[in-house]
Every structure is written in C-alpha cells, then in structure tokens.
C-alpha cells in the first residue's frame, strides 16, 4: 500500500474519533488500528512516523504511542 493511502486512512480514522474526549479519541484510534490493520500496514505507518514530516494528524501521532509496533522484517538472505 502506498504511504499516501496509509496516511489518508489513518487520518480518516482520527477524523471519526476526534469528536470524542481526547483520551477516548486517542484510545479509539489506537484500538482501531491495532485491531484492523495487519502488521505490514502498522510497520509502514511507523516507517512514515519515524521518517518525520509524516502528514499524519496530531491525533494519529498521539495514538501511535499505543499502537503495537510490529517487529522489523528480517531478511534471510
């Protein structure tokens, strides 16, 4: 999946939850991504965050502290 599509999807999730109180919104975004995004998608999300200037909303960035970071892919070659 392209990083732009991933950012769009994460920001859409944040838009859905941002009307809730801040702590509930953060938990909602993190829970949704943990539950429905496969490890590859979460890995790409963290690659985008780690690279900086991600285009992700502040709510997604705050929720990232509660999102399960997948193990890095280890090449066997």
PDB file of N, CA and C in Angstrom:
ATOM      1  N   UNK A   1       0.847  -1.177   0.000  1.00  0.00           N
ATOM      2  CA  UNK A   1       0.000   0.000   0.000  1.00  0.00           C
ATOM      3  C   UNK A   1       0.892   1.239   0.000  1.00  0.00           C
ATOM      4  N   UNK A   2       0.503   2.237  -0.739  1.00  0.00           N
ATOM      5  CA  UNK A   2       1.312   3.456  -0.781  1.00  0.00           C
ATOM      6  C   UNK A   2       1.224   4.173   0.564  1.00  0.00           C
ATOM      7  N   UNK A   3       2.281   4.884   0.884  1.00  0.00           N
ATOM      8  CA  UNK A   3       2.301   5.617   2.154  1.00  0.00           C
ATOM      9  C   UNK A   3       1.240   6.712   2.159  1.00  0.00           C
ATOM     10  N   UNK A   4       0.962   7.311   0.983  1.00  0.00           N
ATOM     11  CA  UNK A   4      -0.068   8.348   0.924  1.00  0.00           C
ATOM     12  C   UNK A   4      -1.433   7.778   1.279  1.00  0.00           C
ATOM     13  N   UNK A   5      -1.750   6.596   0.783  1.00  0.00           N
ATOM     14  CA  UNK A   5      -3.026   5.940   1.082  1.00  0.00           C
ATOM     15  C   UNK A   5      -3.104   5.593   2.575  1.00  0.00           C
ATOM     16  N   UNK A   6      -1.994   5.132   3.111  1.00  0.00           N
ATOM     17  CA  UNK A   6      -1.924   4.786   4.524  1.00  0.00           C
ATOM     18  C   UNK A   6      -2.174   6.013   5.408  1.00  0.00           C
ATOM     19  N   UNK A   7      -1.547   7.125   5.067  1.00  0.00           N
ATOM     20  CA  UNK A   7      -1.734   8.380   5.809  1.00  0.00           C
ATOM     21  C   UNK A   7      -3.195   8.817   5.715  1.00  0.00           C
ATOM     22  N   UNK A   8      -3.753   8.730   4.530  1.00  0.00           N
ATOM     23  CA  UNK A   8      -5.154   9.098   4.333  1.00  0.00           C
ATOM     24  C   UNK A   8      -6.064   8.256   5.233  1.00  0.00           C
ATOM     25  N   UNK A   9      -5.843   6.942   5.229  1.00  0.00           N
ATOM     26  CA  UNK A   9      -6.674   6.041   6.035  1.00  0.00           C
ATOM     27  C   UNK A   9      -6.528   6.342   7.524  1.00  0.00           C
ATOM     28  N   UNK A  10      -5.311   6.526   7.998  1.00  0.00           N
ATOM     29  CA  UNK A  10      -5.093   6.820   9.418  1.00  0.00           C
ATOM     30  C   UNK A  10      -5.762   8.133   9.810  1.00  0.00           C
ATOM     31  N   UNK A  11      -5.635   9.143   8.960  1.00  0.00           N
ATOM     32  CA  UNK A  11      -6.249  10.438   9.252  1.00  0.00           C
ATOM     33  C   UNK A  11      -7.774  10.353   9.217  1.00  0.00           C
ATOM     34  N   UNK A  12      -8.332   9.497   8.366  1.00  0.00           N
ATOM     35  CA  UNK A  12      -9.784   9.300   8.341  1.00  0.00           C
ATOM     36  C   UNK A  12     -10.267   8.677   9.644  1.00  0.00           C
ATOM     37  N   UNK A  13      -9.506   7.716  10.163  1.00  0.00           N
ATOM     38  CA  UNK A  13      -9.849   7.105  11.448  1.00  0.00           C
ATOM     39  C   UNK A  13      -9.832   8.180  12.539  1.00  0.00           C
ATOM     40  N   UNK A  14      -8.801   9.017  12.521  1.00  0.00           N
ATOM     41  CA  UNK A  14      -8.702  10.095  13.514  1.00  0.00           C
ATOM     42  C   UNK A  14      -9.874  11.059  13.394  1.00  0.00           C
ATOM     43  N   UNK A  15     -10.284  11.376  12.178  1.00  0.00           N
ATOM     44  CA  UNK A  15     -11.424  12.276  11.973  1.00  0.00           C
ATOM     45  C   UNK A  15     -12.681  11.707  12.617  1.00  0.00           C
ATOM     46  N   UNK A  16     -12.872  10.398  12.489  1.00  0.00           N
ATOM     47  CA  UNK A  16     -14.036   9.745  13.091  1.00  0.00           C
ATOM     48  C   UNK A  16     -14.028   9.902  14.613  1.00  0.00           C
ATOM     49  N   UNK A  17     -12.867   9.741  15.242  1.00  0.00           N
ATOM     50  CA  UNK A  17     -12.782   9.733  16.703  1.00  0.00           C
ATOM     51  C   UNK A  17     -12.575  11.115  17.325  1.00  0.00           C
ATOM     52  N   UNK A  18     -12.239  12.137  16.540  1.00  0.00           N
ATOM     53  CA  UNK A  18     -11.847  13.417  17.143  1.00  0.00           C
ATOM     54  C   UNK A  18     -12.977  14.155  17.853  1.00  0.00           C
ATOM     55  N   UNK A  19     -14.220  13.754  17.636  1.00  0.00           N
ATOM     56  CA  UNK A  19     -15.321  14.410  18.352  1.00  0.00           C
ATOM     57  C   UNK A  19     -15.461  13.893  19.785  1.00  0.00           C
ATOM     58  N   UNK A  20     -14.745  12.840  20.118  1.00  0.00           N
ATOM     59  CA  UNK A  20     -14.782  12.280  21.470  1.00  0.00           C
ATOM     60  C   UNK A  20     -13.782  13.012  22.366  1.00  0.00           C
ATOM     61  N   UNK A  21     -13.920  12.866  23.685  1.00  0.00           N
ATOM     62  CA  UNK A  21     -12.907  13.443  24.581  1.00  0.00           C
ATOM     63  C   UNK A  21     -11.514  12.936  24.194  1.00  0.00           C
ATOM     64  N   UNK A  22     -10.502  13.754  24.413  1.00  0.00           N
ATOM     65  CA  UNK A  22      -9.146  13.482  23.908  1.00  0.00           C
ATOM     66  C   UNK A  22      -8.629  12.095  24.257  1.00  0.00           C
ATOM     67  N   UNK A  23      -8.756  11.683  25.519  1.00  0.00           N
ATOM     68  CA  UNK A  23      -8.218  10.377  25.900  1.00  0.00           C
ATOM     69  C   UNK A  23      -8.962   9.238  25.212  1.00  0.00           C
ATOM     70  N   UNK A  24     -10.271   9.392  25.055  1.00  0.00           N
ATOM     71  CA  UNK A  24     -11.059   8.370  24.359  1.00  0.00           C
ATOM     72  C   UNK A  24     -10.739   8.345  22.870  1.00  0.00           C
ATOM     73  N   UNK A  25     -10.479   9.514  22.295  1.00  0.00           N
ATOM     74  CA  UNK A  25     -10.145   9.593  20.873  1.00  0.00           C
ATOM     75  C   UNK A  25      -8.816   8.890  20.603  1.00  0.00           C
ATOM     76  N   UNK A  26      -7.818   9.149  21.446  1.00  0.00           N
ATOM     77  CA  UNK A  26      -6.507   8.501  21.299  1.00  0.00           C
ATOM     78  C   UNK A  26      -6.664   6.989  21.410  1.00  0.00           C
ATOM     79  N   UNK A  27      -7.378   6.544  22.429  1.00  0.00           N
ATOM     80  CA  UNK A  27      -7.600   5.106  22.605  1.00  0.00           C
ATOM     81  C   UNK A  27      -8.382   4.512  21.436  1.00  0.00           C
ATOM     82  N   UNK A  28      -9.355   5.245  20.934  1.00  0.00           N
ATOM     83  CA  UNK A  28     -10.162   4.760  19.818  1.00  0.00           C
ATOM     84  C   UNK A  28      -9.344   4.550  18.561  1.00  0.00           C
ATOM     85  N   UNK A  29      -8.493   5.522  18.241  1.00  0.00           N
ATOM     86  CA  UNK A  29      -7.635   5.403  17.055  1.00  0.00           C
ATOM     87  C   UNK A  29      -6.677   4.227  17.223  1.00  0.00           C
ATOM     88  N   UNK A  30      -6.018   4.152  18.369  1.00  0.00           N
ATOM     89  CA  UNK A  30      -5.048   3.082  18.605  1.00  0.00           C
ATOM     90  C   UNK A  30      -5.733   1.711  18.574  1.00  0.00           C
ATOM     91  N   UNK A  31      -6.874   1.601  19.213  1.00  0.00           N
ATOM     92  CA  UNK A  31      -7.591   0.323  19.245  1.00  0.00           C
ATOM     93  C   UNK A  31      -8.006  -0.098  17.838  1.00  0.00           C
ATOM     94  N   UNK A  32      -8.525   0.840  17.076  1.00  0.00           N
ATOM     95  CA  UNK A  32      -8.959   0.522  15.713  1.00  0.00           C
ATOM     96  C   UNK A  32      -7.782   0.026  14.864  1.00  0.00           C
ATOM     97  N   UNK A  33      -6.678   0.745  14.900  1.00  0.00           N
ATOM     98  CA  UNK A  33      -5.520   0.359  14.092  1.00  0.00           C
ATOM     99  C   UNK A  33      -4.947  -0.971  14.585  1.00  0.00           C
ATOM    100  N   UNK A  34      -4.859  -1.153  15.888  1.00  0.00           N
ATOM    101  CA  UNK A  34      -4.355  -2.431  16.415  1.00  0.00           C
ATOM    102  C   UNK A  34      -5.248  -3.598  16.010  1.00  0.00           C
ATOM    103  N   UNK A  35      -6.536  -3.374  15.986  1.00  0.00           N
ATOM    104  CA  UNK A  35      -7.488  -4.447  15.721  1.00  0.00           C
ATOM    105  C   UNK A  35      -7.620  -4.774  14.230  1.00  0.00           C
ATOM    106  N   UNK A  36      -7.591  -3.757  13.389  1.00  0.00           N
ATOM    107  CA  UNK A  36      -7.942  -3.966  11.989  1.00  0.00           C
ATOM    108  C   UNK A  36      -6.787  -3.856  10.994  1.00  0.00           C
ATOM    109  N   UNK A  37      -5.666  -3.306  11.397  1.00  0.00           N
ATOM    110  CA  UNK A  37      -4.537  -3.178  10.462  1.00  0.00           C
ATOM    111  C   UNK A  37      -3.577  -4.340  10.660  1.00  0.00           C
ATOM    112  N   UNK A  38      -3.219  -4.977   9.584  1.00  0.00           N
ATOM    113  CA  UNK A  38      -2.259  -6.074   9.661  1.00  0.00           C
ATOM    114  C   UNK A  38      -0.878  -5.514   9.996  1.00  0.00           C
ATOM    115  N   UNK A  39       0.031  -6.359  10.491  1.00  0.00           N
ATOM    116  CA  UNK A  39       1.361  -5.882  10.882  1.00  0.00           C
ATOM    117  C   UNK A  39       2.093  -5.110   9.785  1.00  0.00           C
ATOM    118  N   UNK A  40       1.945  -5.528   8.543  1.00  0.00           N
ATOM    119  CA  UNK A  40       2.632  -4.832   7.439  1.00  0.00           C
ATOM    120  C   UNK A  40       2.175  -3.376   7.351  1.00  0.00           C
ATOM    121  N   UNK A  41       0.890  -3.144   7.521  1.00  0.00           N
ATOM    122  CA  UNK A  41       0.365  -1.775   7.466  1.00  0.00           C
ATOM    123  C   UNK A  41       0.864  -0.960   8.659  1.00  0.00           C
ATOM    124  N   UNK A  42       0.853  -1.569   9.837  1.00  0.00           N
ATOM    125  CA  UNK A  42       1.348  -0.847  11.019  1.00  0.00           C
ATOM    126  C   UNK A  42       2.842  -0.561  10.886  1.00  0.00           C
ATOM    127  N   UNK A  43       3.587  -1.485  10.304  1.00  0.00           N
ATOM    128  CA  UNK A  43       5.022  -1.270  10.086  1.00  0.00           C
ATOM    129  C   UNK A  43       5.231  -0.067   9.158  1.00  0.00           C
ATOM    130  N   UNK A  44       4.443   0.016   8.090  1.00  0.00           N
ATOM    131  CA  UNK A  44       4.544   1.147   7.169  1.00  0.00           C
ATOM    132  C   UNK A  44       4.156   2.457   7.860  1.00  0.00           C
ATOM    133  N   UNK A  45       3.167   2.389   8.728  1.00  0.00           N
ATOM    134  CA  UNK A  45       2.768   3.579   9.472  1.00  0.00           C
ATOM    135  C   UNK A  45       3.940   4.086  10.311  1.00  0.00           C
ATOM    136  N   UNK A  46       4.609   3.181  11.019  1.00  0.00           N
ATOM    137  CA  UNK A  46       5.745   3.594  11.849  1.00  0.00           C
ATOM    138  C   UNK A  46       6.936   4.048  11.008  1.00  0.00           C
ATOM    139  N   UNK A  47       7.116   3.472   9.827  1.00  0.00           N
ATOM    140  CA  UNK A  47       8.175   3.960   8.926  1.00  0.00           C
ATOM    141  C   UNK A  47       7.903   5.417   8.575  1.00  0.00           C
ATOM    142  N   UNK A  48       6.648   5.724   8.298  1.00  0.00           N
ATOM    143  CA  UNK A  48       6.261   7.098   7.961  1.00  0.00           C
ATOM    144  C   UNK A  48       6.484   8.023   9.161  1.00  0.00           C
ATOM    145  N   UNK A  49       6.088   7.582  10.340  1.00  0.00           N
ATOM    146  CA  UNK A  49       6.270   8.394  11.548  1.00  0.00           C
ATOM    147  C   UNK A  49       7.758   8.606  11.822  1.00  0.00           C
ATOM    148  N   UNK A  50       8.540   7.540  11.738  1.00  0.00           N
ATOM    149  CA  UNK A  50       9.972   7.618  12.036  1.00  0.00           C
ATOM    150  C   UNK A  50      10.722   8.507  11.045  1.00  0.00           C
ATOM    151  N   UNK A  51      10.210   8.605   9.820  1.00  0.00           N
ATOM    152  CA  UNK A  51      10.858   9.434   8.800  1.00  0.00           C
ATOM    153  C   UNK A  51      10.598  10.926   9.038  1.00  0.00           C
ATOM    154  N   UNK A  52       9.605  11.242   9.874  1.00  0.00           N
ATOM    155  CA  UNK A  52       9.289  12.636  10.171  1.00  0.00           C
ATOM    156  C   UNK A  52       8.437  13.252   9.078  1.00  0.00           C
ATOM    157  N   UNK A  53       7.844  14.399   9.374  1.00  0.00           N
ATOM    158  CA  UNK A  53       7.005  15.113   8.412  1.00  0.00           C
ATOM    159  C   UNK A  53       6.046  14.157   7.713  1.00  0.00           C
ATOM    160  N   UNK A  54       5.318  13.387   8.507  1.00  0.00           N
ATOM    161  CA  UNK A  54       4.523  12.277   8.002  1.00  0.00           C
ATOM    162  C   UNK A  54       3.214  12.671   7.327  1.00  0.00           C
ATOM    163  N   UNK A  55       2.695  13.840   7.628  1.00  0.00           N
ATOM    164  CA  UNK A  55       1.382  14.217   7.122  1.00  0.00           C
ATOM    165  C   UNK A  55       0.250  13.648   7.965  1.00  0.00           C
ATOM    166  N   UNK A  56       0.612  12.948   9.034  1.00  0.00           N
ATOM    167  CA  UNK A  56      -0.391  12.362   9.918  1.00  0.00           C
ATOM    168  C   UNK A  56      -0.920  13.420  10.887  1.00  0.00           C
ATOM    169  N   UNK A  57      -2.178  13.278  11.245  1.00  0.00           N
ATOM    170  CA  UNK A  57      -2.780  14.218  12.185  1.00  0.00           C
ATOM    171  C   UNK A  57      -2.138  14.063  13.566  1.00  0.00           C
ATOM    172  N   UNK A  58      -2.273  15.103  14.364  1.00  0.00           N
ATOM    173  CA  UNK A  58      -1.741  15.050  15.730  1.00  0.00           C
ATOM    174  C   UNK A  58      -2.379  13.907  16.521  1.00  0.00           C
ATOM    175  N   UNK A  59      -3.646  13.634  16.256  1.00  0.00           N
ATOM    176  CA  UNK A  59      -4.328  12.553  16.964  1.00  0.00           C
ATOM    177  C   UNK A  59      -3.713  11.199  16.618  1.00  0.00           C
ATOM    178  N   UNK A  60      -3.390  10.967  15.361  1.00  0.00           N
ATOM    179  CA  UNK A  60      -2.736   9.708  14.969  1.00  0.00           C
ATOM    180  C   UNK A  60      -1.358   9.625  15.616  1.00  0.00           C
ATOM    181  N   UNK A  61      -0.627  10.724  15.613  1.00  0.00           N
ATOM    182  CA  UNK A  61       0.715  10.714  16.213  1.00  0.00           C
ATOM    183  C   UNK A  61       0.636  10.421  17.710  1.00  0.00           C
ATOM    184  N   UNK A  62      -0.342  10.985  18.388  1.00  0.00           N
ATOM    185  CA  UNK A  62      -0.516  10.706  19.816  1.00  0.00           C
ATOM    186  C   UNK A  62      -0.918   9.240  20.029  1.00  0.00           C
ATOM    187  N   UNK A  63      -1.817   8.745  19.192  1.00  0.00           N
ATOM    188  CA  UNK A  63      -2.265   7.359  19.297  1.00  0.00           C
ATOM    189  C   UNK A  63      -1.143   6.371  18.995  1.00  0.00           C
ATOM    190  N   UNK A  64      -0.164   6.792  18.209  1.00  0.00           N
ATOM    191  CA  UNK A  64       0.924   5.878  17.828  1.00  0.00           C
ATOM    192  C   UNK A  64       1.678   5.352  19.048  1.00  0.00           C
ATOM    193  N   UNK A  65       1.608   6.074  20.158  1.00  0.00           N
ATOM    194  CA  UNK A  65       2.256   5.616  21.389  1.00  0.00           C
ATOM    195  C   UNK A  65       1.573   4.362  21.942  1.00  0.00           C
ATOM    196  N   UNK A  66       0.324   4.118  21.501  1.00  0.00           N
ATOM    197  CA  UNK A  66      -0.436   2.965  21.979  1.00  0.00           C
ATOM    198  C   UNK A  66      -0.653   1.915  20.883  1.00  0.00           C
ATOM    199  N   UNK A  67      -0.116   2.184  19.715  1.00  0.00           N
ATOM    200  CA  UNK A  67      -0.252   1.237  18.602  1.00  0.00           C
ATOM    201  C   UNK A  67       0.894   0.239  18.684  1.00  0.00           C
ATOM    202  N   UNK A  68       0.565  -1.022  18.499  1.00  0.00           N
ATOM    203  CA  UNK A  68       1.576  -2.085  18.571  1.00  0.00           C
ATOM    204  C   UNK A  68       2.527  -1.977  17.388  1.00  0.00           C
ATOM    205  N   UNK A  69       3.799  -1.760  17.702  1.00  0.00           N
ATOM    206  CA  UNK A  69       4.815  -1.657  16.657  1.00  0.00           C
ATOM    207  C   UNK A  69       5.258  -3.071  16.275  1.00  0.00           C
ATOM    208  N   UNK A  70       5.045  -3.466  15.015  1.00  0.00           N
ATOM    209  CA  UNK A  70       5.465  -4.818  14.591  1.00  0.00           C
ATOM    210  C   UNK A  70       6.991  -4.966  14.586  1.00  0.00           C
ATOM    211  N   UNK A  71       7.420  -6.187  14.725  1.00  0.00           N
ATOM    212  CA  UNK A  71       8.846  -6.468  14.630  1.00  0.00           C
ATOM    213  C   UNK A  71       9.324  -6.133  13.228  1.00  0.00           C
ATOM    214  N   UNK A  72      10.562  -5.666  13.091  1.00  0.00           N
ATOM    215  CA  UNK A  72      11.081  -5.388  11.742  1.00  0.00           C
ATOM    216  C   UNK A  72      11.198  -6.692  10.948  1.00  0.00           C
ATOM    217  N   UNK A  73      11.080  -6.551   9.646  1.00  0.00           N
ATOM    218  CA  UNK A  73      11.245  -7.703   8.769  1.00  0.00           C
ATOM    219  C   UNK A  73      12.731  -8.009   8.677  1.00  0.00           C
ATOM    220  N   UNK A  74      13.080  -9.266   8.932  1.00  0.00           N
ATOM    221  CA  UNK A  74      14.472  -9.686   8.887  1.00  0.00           C
ATOM    222  C   UNK A  74      14.686 -10.482   7.616  1.00  0.00           C
ATOM    223  N   UNK A  75      15.639 -10.041   6.814  1.00  0.00           N
ATOM    224  CA  UNK A  75      15.956 -10.743   5.569  1.00  0.00           C
ATOM    225  C   UNK A  75      16.740 -12.002   5.892  1.00  0.00           C
ATOM    226  N   UNK A  76      16.407 -13.083   5.211  1.00  0.00           N
ATOM    227  CA  UNK A  76      17.104 -14.353   5.442  1.00  0.00           C
ATOM    228  C   UNK A  76      18.187 -14.588   4.401  1.00  0.00           C
ATOM    229  N   UNK A  77      18.452 -13.583   3.581  1.00  0.00           N
ATOM    230  CA  UNK A  77      19.486 -13.752   2.530  1.00  0.00           C
ATOM    231  C   UNK A  77      20.823 -13.294   3.013  1.00  0.00           C
TER     232      UNK A  77
END
